[in-house]
């Protein structure tokens, strides 16, 4: 389950990691990954953002699945 407070904490983690990505709350099952502008959008930054998101939810005992385009993610219990 995705909670709004998770989004707030994740955005802090993403800011600290320097990816310039943000996460937006869609509903309890889905959140969106908001990339930076084109000048800062790199594959390395995207991979780092996905890693931060996965590690955060793994620490909560949840598994993350990303949409094919990488702009949404979904959580389920491990």
PDB file of N, CA and C in Angstrom:
ATOM      1  N   UNK A   1       0.839  -1.177   0.000  1.00  0.00           N
ATOM      2  CA  UNK A   1       0.000   0.000   0.000  1.00  0.00           C
ATOM      3  C   UNK A   1       0.890   1.248   0.000  1.00  0.00           C
ATOM      4  N   UNK A   2       0.525   2.198  -0.809  1.00  0.00           N
ATOM      5  CA  UNK A   2       1.271   3.456  -0.894  1.00  0.00           C
ATOM      6  C   UNK A   2       0.532   4.502  -0.061  1.00  0.00           C
ATOM      7  N   UNK A   3       1.224   5.053   0.900  1.00  0.00           N
ATOM      8  CA  UNK A   3       0.638   6.085   1.752  1.00  0.00           C
ATOM      9  C   UNK A   3       1.254   7.432   1.396  1.00  0.00           C
ATOM     10  N   UNK A   4       0.488   8.483   1.655  1.00  0.00           N
ATOM     11  CA  UNK A   4       0.977   9.817   1.313  1.00  0.00           C
ATOM     12  C   UNK A   4       2.277  10.139   2.052  1.00  0.00           C
ATOM     13  N   UNK A   5       2.394   9.712   3.312  1.00  0.00           N
ATOM     14  CA  UNK A   5       3.632  10.001   4.051  1.00  0.00           C
ATOM     15  C   UNK A   5       4.835   9.295   3.433  1.00  0.00           C
ATOM     16  N   UNK A   6       4.607   8.134   2.772  1.00  0.00           N
ATOM     17  CA  UNK A   6       5.699   7.475   2.047  1.00  0.00           C
ATOM     18  C   UNK A   6       6.214   8.378   0.935  1.00  0.00           C
ATOM     19  N   UNK A   7       5.299   9.041   0.257  1.00  0.00           N
ATOM     20  CA  UNK A   7       5.677   9.926  -0.850  1.00  0.00           C
ATOM     21  C   UNK A   7       6.531  11.079  -0.333  1.00  0.00           C
ATOM     22  N   UNK A   8       6.133  11.649   0.795  1.00  0.00           N
ATOM     23  CA  UNK A   8       6.896  12.753   1.387  1.00  0.00           C
ATOM     24  C   UNK A   8       8.313  12.289   1.736  1.00  0.00           C
ATOM     25  N   UNK A   9       8.420  11.131   2.385  1.00  0.00           N
ATOM     26  CA  UNK A   9       9.736  10.600   2.755  1.00  0.00           C
ATOM     27  C   UNK A   9      10.563  10.249   1.524  1.00  0.00           C
ATOM     28  N   UNK A  10       9.932   9.631   0.532  1.00  0.00           N
ATOM     29  CA  UNK A  10      10.647   9.279  -0.700  1.00  0.00           C
ATOM     30  C   UNK A  10      11.183  10.508  -1.414  1.00  0.00           C
ATOM     31  N   UNK A  11      10.395  11.567  -1.457  1.00  0.00           N
ATOM     32  CA  UNK A  11      10.873  12.786  -2.114  1.00  0.00           C
ATOM     33  C   UNK A  11      12.091  13.359  -1.400  1.00  0.00           C
ATOM     34  N   UNK A  12      12.136  13.238  -0.084  1.00  0.00           N
ATOM     35  CA  UNK A  12      13.321  13.663   0.658  1.00  0.00           C
ATOM     36  C   UNK A  12      14.532  12.807   0.326  1.00  0.00           C
ATOM     37  N   UNK A  13      14.319  11.494   0.230  1.00  0.00           N
ATOM     38  CA  UNK A  13      15.408  10.573  -0.124  1.00  0.00           C
ATOM     39  C   UNK A  13      15.906  10.867  -1.531  1.00  0.00           C
ATOM     40  N   UNK A  14      14.985  11.081  -2.455  1.00  0.00           N
ATOM     41  CA  UNK A  14      15.373  11.368  -3.841  1.00  0.00           C
ATOM     42  C   UNK A  14      16.135  12.688  -3.936  1.00  0.00           C
ATOM     43  N   UNK A  15      15.713  13.675  -3.154  1.00  0.00           N
ATOM     44  CA  UNK A  15      16.419  14.959  -3.161  1.00  0.00           C
ATOM     45  C   UNK A  15      17.844  14.787  -2.633  1.00  0.00           C
ATOM     46  N   UNK A  16      17.986  14.029  -1.552  1.00  0.00           N
ATOM     47  CA  UNK A  16      19.320  13.783  -0.990  1.00  0.00           C
ATOM     48  C   UNK A  16      20.218  13.026  -1.957  1.00  0.00           C
ATOM     49  N   UNK A  17      19.615  12.156  -2.768  1.00  0.00           N
ATOM     50  CA  UNK A  17      20.408  11.355  -3.706  1.00  0.00           C
ATOM     51  C   UNK A  17      20.826  12.157  -4.936  1.00  0.00           C
ATOM     52  N   UNK A  18      20.218  13.332  -5.124  1.00  0.00           N
ATOM     53  CA  UNK A  18      20.594  14.195  -6.238  1.00  0.00           C
ATOM     54  C   UNK A  18      20.048  13.782  -7.591  1.00  0.00           C
ATOM     55  N   UNK A  19      19.024  12.925  -7.619  1.00  0.00           N
ATOM     56  CA  UNK A  19      18.493  12.451  -8.903  1.00  0.00           C
ATOM     57  C   UNK A  19      17.644  13.493  -9.623  1.00  0.00           C
ATOM     58  N   UNK A  20      17.072  14.421  -8.862  1.00  0.00           N
ATOM     59  CA  UNK A  20      16.153  15.436  -9.364  1.00  0.00           C
ATOM     60  C   UNK A  20      14.810  14.847  -9.792  1.00  0.00           C
ATOM     61  N   UNK A  21      14.585  13.578  -9.497  1.00  0.00           N
ATOM     62  CA  UNK A  21      13.278  12.952  -9.714  1.00  0.00           C
ATOM     63  C   UNK A  21      12.400  13.237  -8.507  1.00  0.00           C
ATOM     64  N   UNK A  22      11.087  13.185  -8.709  1.00  0.00           N
ATOM     65  CA  UNK A  22      10.116  13.317  -7.635  1.00  0.00           C
ATOM     66  C   UNK A  22       9.100  12.195  -7.786  1.00  0.00           C
ATOM     67  N   UNK A  23       8.376  11.947  -6.711  1.00  0.00           N
ATOM     68  CA  UNK A  23       7.315  10.953  -6.737  1.00  0.00           C
ATOM     69  C   UNK A  23       6.011  11.662  -6.414  1.00  0.00           C
ATOM     70  N   UNK A  24       4.959  11.324  -7.144  1.00  0.00           N
ATOM     71  CA  UNK A  24       3.640  11.894  -6.916  1.00  0.00           C
ATOM     72  C   UNK A  24       2.650  10.813  -6.511  1.00  0.00           C
ATOM     73  N   UNK A  25       1.747  11.149  -5.605  1.00  0.00           N
ATOM     74  CA  UNK A  25       0.733  10.206  -5.134  1.00  0.00           C
ATOM     75  C   UNK A  25      -0.413  10.150  -6.126  1.00  0.00           C
ATOM     76  N   UNK A  26      -0.777   8.956  -6.547  1.00  0.00           N
ATOM     77  CA  UNK A  26      -1.931   8.778  -7.424  1.00  0.00           C
ATOM     78  C   UNK A  26      -3.079   8.158  -6.636  1.00  0.00           C
ATOM     79  N   UNK A  27      -2.822   7.018  -5.982  1.00  0.00           N
ATOM     80  CA  UNK A  27      -3.791   6.379  -5.097  1.00  0.00           C
ATOM     81  C   UNK A  27      -3.049   5.365  -4.225  1.00  0.00           C
ATOM     82  N   UNK A  28      -3.788   4.583  -3.435  1.00  0.00           N
ATOM     83  CA  UNK A  28      -3.143   3.645  -2.510  1.00  0.00           C
ATOM     84  C   UNK A  28      -2.364   2.547  -3.213  1.00  0.00           C
ATOM     85  N   UNK A  29      -2.611   2.353  -4.488  1.00  0.00           N
ATOM     86  CA  UNK A  29      -1.950   1.284  -5.234  1.00  0.00           C
ATOM     87  C   UNK A  29      -0.904   1.780  -6.216  1.00  0.00           C
ATOM     88  N   UNK A  30      -0.962   3.065  -6.562  1.00  0.00           N
ATOM     89  CA  UNK A  30      -0.117   3.586  -7.638  1.00  0.00           C
ATOM     90  C   UNK A  30       0.482   4.939  -7.273  1.00  0.00           C
ATOM     91  N   UNK A  31       1.745   5.112  -7.637  1.00  0.00           N
ATOM     92  CA  UNK A  31       2.401   6.418  -7.528  1.00  0.00           C
ATOM     93  C   UNK A  31       3.104   6.684  -8.850  1.00  0.00           C
ATOM     94  N   UNK A  32       3.331   7.944  -9.154  1.00  0.00           N
ATOM     95  CA  UNK A  32       3.998   8.268 -10.412  1.00  0.00           C
ATOM     96  C   UNK A  32       5.399   8.809 -10.136  1.00  0.00           C
ATOM     97  N   UNK A  33       6.295   8.480 -11.050  1.00  0.00           N
ATOM     98  CA  UNK A  33       7.678   8.924 -10.983  1.00  0.00           C
ATOM     99  C   UNK A  33       7.802  10.106 -11.933  1.00  0.00           C
ATOM    100  N   UNK A  34       8.143  11.263 -11.395  1.00  0.00           N
ATOM    101  CA  UNK A  34       8.200  12.493 -12.182  1.00  0.00           C
ATOM    102  C   UNK A  34       9.659  12.816 -12.469  1.00  0.00           C
ATOM    103  N   UNK A  35      10.053  12.726 -13.739  1.00  0.00           N
ATOM    104  CA  UNK A  35      11.455  12.979 -14.082  1.00  0.00           C
ATOM    105  C   UNK A  35      11.773  14.474 -14.092  1.00  0.00           C
ATOM    106  N   UNK A  36      13.057  14.805 -14.023  1.00  0.00           N
ATOM    107  CA  UNK A  36      13.467  16.208 -14.137  1.00  0.00           C
ATOM    108  C   UNK A  36      13.346  16.656 -15.585  1.00  0.00           C
ATOM    109  N   UNK A  37      13.680  17.892 -15.856  1.00  0.00           N
ATOM    110  CA  UNK A  37      13.685  18.380 -17.230  1.00  0.00           C
ATOM    111  C   UNK A  37      14.690  17.622 -18.081  1.00  0.00           C
ATOM    112  N   UNK A  38      14.553  17.748 -19.377  1.00  0.00           N
ATOM    113  CA  UNK A  38      15.404  17.000 -20.312  1.00  0.00           C
ATOM    114  C   UNK A  38      16.891  17.209 -20.081  1.00  0.00           C
ATOM    115  N   UNK A  39      17.281  18.400 -19.652  1.00  0.00           N
ATOM    116  CA  UNK A  39      18.706  18.677 -19.459  1.00  0.00           C
ATOM    117  C   UNK A  39      19.316  17.809 -18.362  1.00  0.00           C
ATOM    118  N   UNK A  40      18.498  17.332 -17.428  1.00  0.00           N
ATOM    119  CA  UNK A  40      19.004  16.549 -16.295  1.00  0.00           C
ATOM    120  C   UNK A  40      18.582  15.085 -16.347  1.00  0.00           C
ATOM    121  N   UNK A  41      17.830  14.711 -17.364  1.00  0.00           N
ATOM    122  CA  UNK A  41      17.304  13.349 -17.449  1.00  0.00           C
ATOM    123  C   UNK A  41      18.344  12.421 -18.054  1.00  0.00           C
ATOM    124  N   UNK A  42      18.919  11.569 -17.209  1.00  0.00           N
ATOM    125  CA  UNK A  42      19.905  10.595 -17.680  1.00  0.00           C
ATOM    126  C   UNK A  42      19.468   9.204 -17.237  1.00  0.00           C
ATOM    127  N   UNK A  43      19.968   8.193 -17.911  1.00  0.00           N
ATOM    128  CA  UNK A  43      19.650   6.813 -17.539  1.00  0.00           C
ATOM    129  C   UNK A  43      20.181   6.507 -16.141  1.00  0.00           C
ATOM    130  N   UNK A  44      21.345   7.041 -15.821  1.00  0.00           N
ATOM    131  CA  UNK A  44      21.927   6.836 -14.489  1.00  0.00           C
ATOM    132  C   UNK A  44      21.024   7.417 -13.398  1.00  0.00           C
ATOM    133  N   UNK A  45      20.495   8.617 -13.631  1.00  0.00           N
ATOM    134  CA  UNK A  45      19.607   9.242 -12.647  1.00  0.00           C
ATOM    135  C   UNK A  45      18.324   8.431 -12.497  1.00  0.00           C
ATOM    136  N   UNK A  46      17.774   7.932 -13.613  1.00  0.00           N
ATOM    137  CA  UNK A  46      16.558   7.118 -13.560  1.00  0.00           C
ATOM    138  C   UNK A  46      16.816   5.829 -12.768  1.00  0.00           C
ATOM    139  N   UNK A  47      17.925   5.173 -13.040  1.00  0.00           N
ATOM    140  CA  UNK A  47      18.257   3.934 -12.326  1.00  0.00           C
ATOM    141  C   UNK A  47      18.450   4.196 -10.837  1.00  0.00           C
ATOM    142  N   UNK A  48      19.092   5.307 -10.505  1.00  0.00           N
ATOM    143  CA  UNK A  48      19.310   5.663  -9.105  1.00  0.00           C
ATOM    144  C   UNK A  48      17.976   5.942  -8.408  1.00  0.00           C
ATOM    145  N   UNK A  49      17.075   6.644  -9.088  1.00  0.00           N
ATOM    146  CA  UNK A  49      15.761   6.934  -8.513  1.00  0.00           C
ATOM    147  C   UNK A  49      14.989   5.638  -8.276  1.00  0.00           C
ATOM    148  N   UNK A  50      14.999   4.731  -9.251  1.00  0.00           N
ATOM    149  CA  UNK A  50      14.305   3.453  -9.099  1.00  0.00           C
ATOM    150  C   UNK A  50      14.903   2.648  -7.948  1.00  0.00           C
ATOM    151  N   UNK A  51      16.213   2.682  -7.821  1.00  0.00           N
ATOM    152  CA  UNK A  51      16.888   1.964  -6.735  1.00  0.00           C
ATOM    153  C   UNK A  51      16.468   2.535  -5.379  1.00  0.00           C
ATOM    154  N   UNK A  52      16.412   3.860  -5.266  1.00  0.00           N
ATOM    155  CA  UNK A  52      15.989   4.502  -4.012  1.00  0.00           C
ATOM    156  C   UNK A  52      14.569   4.074  -3.641  1.00  0.00           C
ATOM    157  N   UNK A  53      13.686   4.057  -4.627  1.00  0.00           N
ATOM    158  CA  UNK A  53      12.291   3.675  -4.395  1.00  0.00           C
ATOM    159  C   UNK A  53      12.213   2.213  -3.968  1.00  0.00           C
ATOM    160  N   UNK A  54      12.918   1.341  -4.679  1.00  0.00           N
ATOM    161  CA  UNK A  54      12.905  -0.087  -4.336  1.00  0.00           C
ATOM    162  C   UNK A  54      13.451  -0.327  -2.937  1.00  0.00           C
ATOM    163  N   UNK A  55      14.562   0.294  -2.594  1.00  0.00           N
ATOM    164  CA  UNK A  55      15.166   0.097  -1.272  1.00  0.00           C
ATOM    165  C   UNK A  55      14.252   0.596  -0.159  1.00  0.00           C
ATOM    166  N   UNK A  56      13.576   1.717  -0.393  1.00  0.00           N
ATOM    167  CA  UNK A  56      12.662   2.257   0.612  1.00  0.00           C
ATOM    168  C   UNK A  56      11.554   1.251   0.914  1.00  0.00           C
ATOM    169  N   UNK A  57      10.917   0.750  -0.141  1.00  0.00           N
ATOM    170  CA  UNK A  57       9.803  -0.177   0.079  1.00  0.00           C
ATOM    171  C   UNK A  57      10.266  -1.554   0.548  1.00  0.00           C
ATOM    172  N   UNK A  58      11.440  -1.992   0.144  1.00  0.00           N
ATOM    173  CA  UNK A  58      11.979  -3.261   0.654  1.00  0.00           C
ATOM    174  C   UNK A  58      12.173  -3.177   2.166  1.00  0.00           C
ATOM    175  N   UNK A  59      12.598  -2.010   2.651  1.00  0.00           N
ATOM    176  CA  UNK A  59      12.792  -1.836   4.092  1.00  0.00           C
ATOM    177  C   UNK A  59      11.463  -1.911   4.844  1.00  0.00           C
ATOM    178  N   UNK A  60      10.361  -1.720   4.119  1.00  0.00           N
ATOM    179  CA  UNK A  60       9.022  -1.822   4.709  1.00  0.00           C
ATOM    180  C   UNK A  60       8.390  -3.187   4.449  1.00  0.00           C
ATOM    181  N   UNK A  61       9.154  -4.096   3.818  1.00  0.00           N
ATOM    182  CA  UNK A  61       8.635  -5.430   3.530  1.00  0.00           C
ATOM    183  C   UNK A  61       7.707  -5.471   2.330  1.00  0.00           C
ATOM    184  N   UNK A  62       7.907  -4.542   1.395  1.00  0.00           N
ATOM    185  CA  UNK A  62       7.064  -4.494   0.200  1.00  0.00           C
ATOM    186  C   UNK A  62       7.919  -4.564  -1.056  1.00  0.00           C
ATOM    187  N   UNK A  63       7.316  -5.087  -2.098  1.00  0.00           N
ATOM    188  CA  UNK A  63       7.983  -5.210  -3.389  1.00  0.00           C
ATOM    189  C   UNK A  63       7.429  -4.144  -4.333  1.00  0.00           C
ATOM    190  N   UNK A  64       8.299  -3.581  -5.149  1.00  0.00           N
ATOM    191  CA  UNK A  64       7.902  -2.537  -6.099  1.00  0.00           C
ATOM    192  C   UNK A  64       7.970  -3.087  -7.517  1.00  0.00           C
ATOM    193  N   UNK A  65       6.951  -2.796  -8.289  1.00  0.00           N
ATOM    194  CA  UNK A  65       6.948  -3.102  -9.724  1.00  0.00           C
ATOM    195  C   UNK A  65       6.752  -1.789 -10.464  1.00  0.00           C
ATOM    196  N   UNK A  66       7.567  -1.558 -11.475  1.00  0.00           N
ATOM    197  CA  UNK A  66       7.456  -0.344 -12.279  1.00  0.00           C
ATOM    198  C   UNK A  66       6.688  -0.642 -13.556  1.00  0.00           C
ATOM    199  N   UNK A  67       5.966   0.348 -14.051  1.00  0.00           N
ATOM    200  CA  UNK A  67       5.283   0.200 -15.334  1.00  0.00           C
ATOM    201  C   UNK A  67       6.331   0.087 -16.433  1.00  0.00           C
ATOM    202  N   UNK A  68       5.901  -0.350 -17.588  1.00  0.00           N
ATOM    203  CA  UNK A  68       6.824  -0.550 -18.702  1.00  0.00           C
ATOM    204  C   UNK A  68       7.564   0.734 -19.068  1.00  0.00           C
ATOM    205  N   UNK A  69       6.867   1.869 -19.001  1.00  0.00           N
ATOM    206  CA  UNK A  69       7.512   3.139 -19.351  1.00  0.00           C
ATOM    207  C   UNK A  69       8.307   3.743 -18.190  1.00  0.00           C
ATOM    208  N   UNK A  70       8.183   3.161 -16.982  1.00  0.00           N
ATOM    209  CA  UNK A  70       8.942   3.627 -15.828  1.00  0.00           C
ATOM    210  C   UNK A  70       8.363   4.840 -15.130  1.00  0.00           C
ATOM    211  N   UNK A  71       7.176   5.292 -15.554  1.00  0.00           N
ATOM    212  CA  UNK A  71       6.592   6.497 -14.959  1.00  0.00           C
ATOM    213  C   UNK A  71       5.628   6.218 -13.812  1.00  0.00           C
ATOM    214  N   UNK A  72       5.326   4.953 -13.551  1.00  0.00           N
ATOM    215  CA  UNK A  72       4.433   4.576 -12.457  1.00  0.00           C
ATOM    216  C   UNK A  72       5.027   3.389 -11.721  1.00  0.00           C
ATOM    217  N   UNK A  73       4.686   3.273 -10.439  1.00  0.00           N
ATOM    218  CA  UNK A  73       5.073   2.069  -9.720  1.00  0.00           C
ATOM    219  C   UNK A  73       3.945   1.631  -8.811  1.00  0.00           C
ATOM    220  N   UNK A  74       3.991   0.338  -8.490  1.00  0.00           N
ATOM    221  CA  UNK A  74       2.958  -0.325  -7.716  1.00  0.00           C
ATOM    222  C   UNK A  74       3.647  -1.133  -6.626  1.00  0.00           C
ATOM    223  N   UNK A  75       3.031  -1.244  -5.466  1.00  0.00           N
ATOM    224  CA  UNK A  75       3.632  -1.971  -4.350  1.00  0.00           C
ATOM    225  C   UNK A  75       2.766  -3.146  -3.942  1.00  0.00           C
ATOM    226  N   UNK A  76       3.426  -4.191  -3.476  1.00  0.00           N
ATOM    227  CA  UNK A  76       2.729  -5.338  -2.903  1.00  0.00           C
ATOM    228  C   UNK A  76       3.618  -5.927  -1.814  1.00  0.00           C
ATOM    229  N   UNK A  77       2.994  -6.614  -0.868  1.00  0.00           N
ATOM    230  CA  UNK A  77       3.763  -7.226   0.216  1.00  0.00           C
ATOM    231  C   UNK A  77       4.611  -8.355  -0.330  1.00  0.00           C
ATOM    232  N   UNK A  78       5.802  -8.504   0.245  1.00  0.00           N
ATOM    233  CA  UNK A  78       6.714  -9.576  -0.189  1.00  0.00           C
ATOM    234  C   UNK A  78       6.227 -10.895   0.370  1.00  0.00           C
TER     235      UNK A  78
END
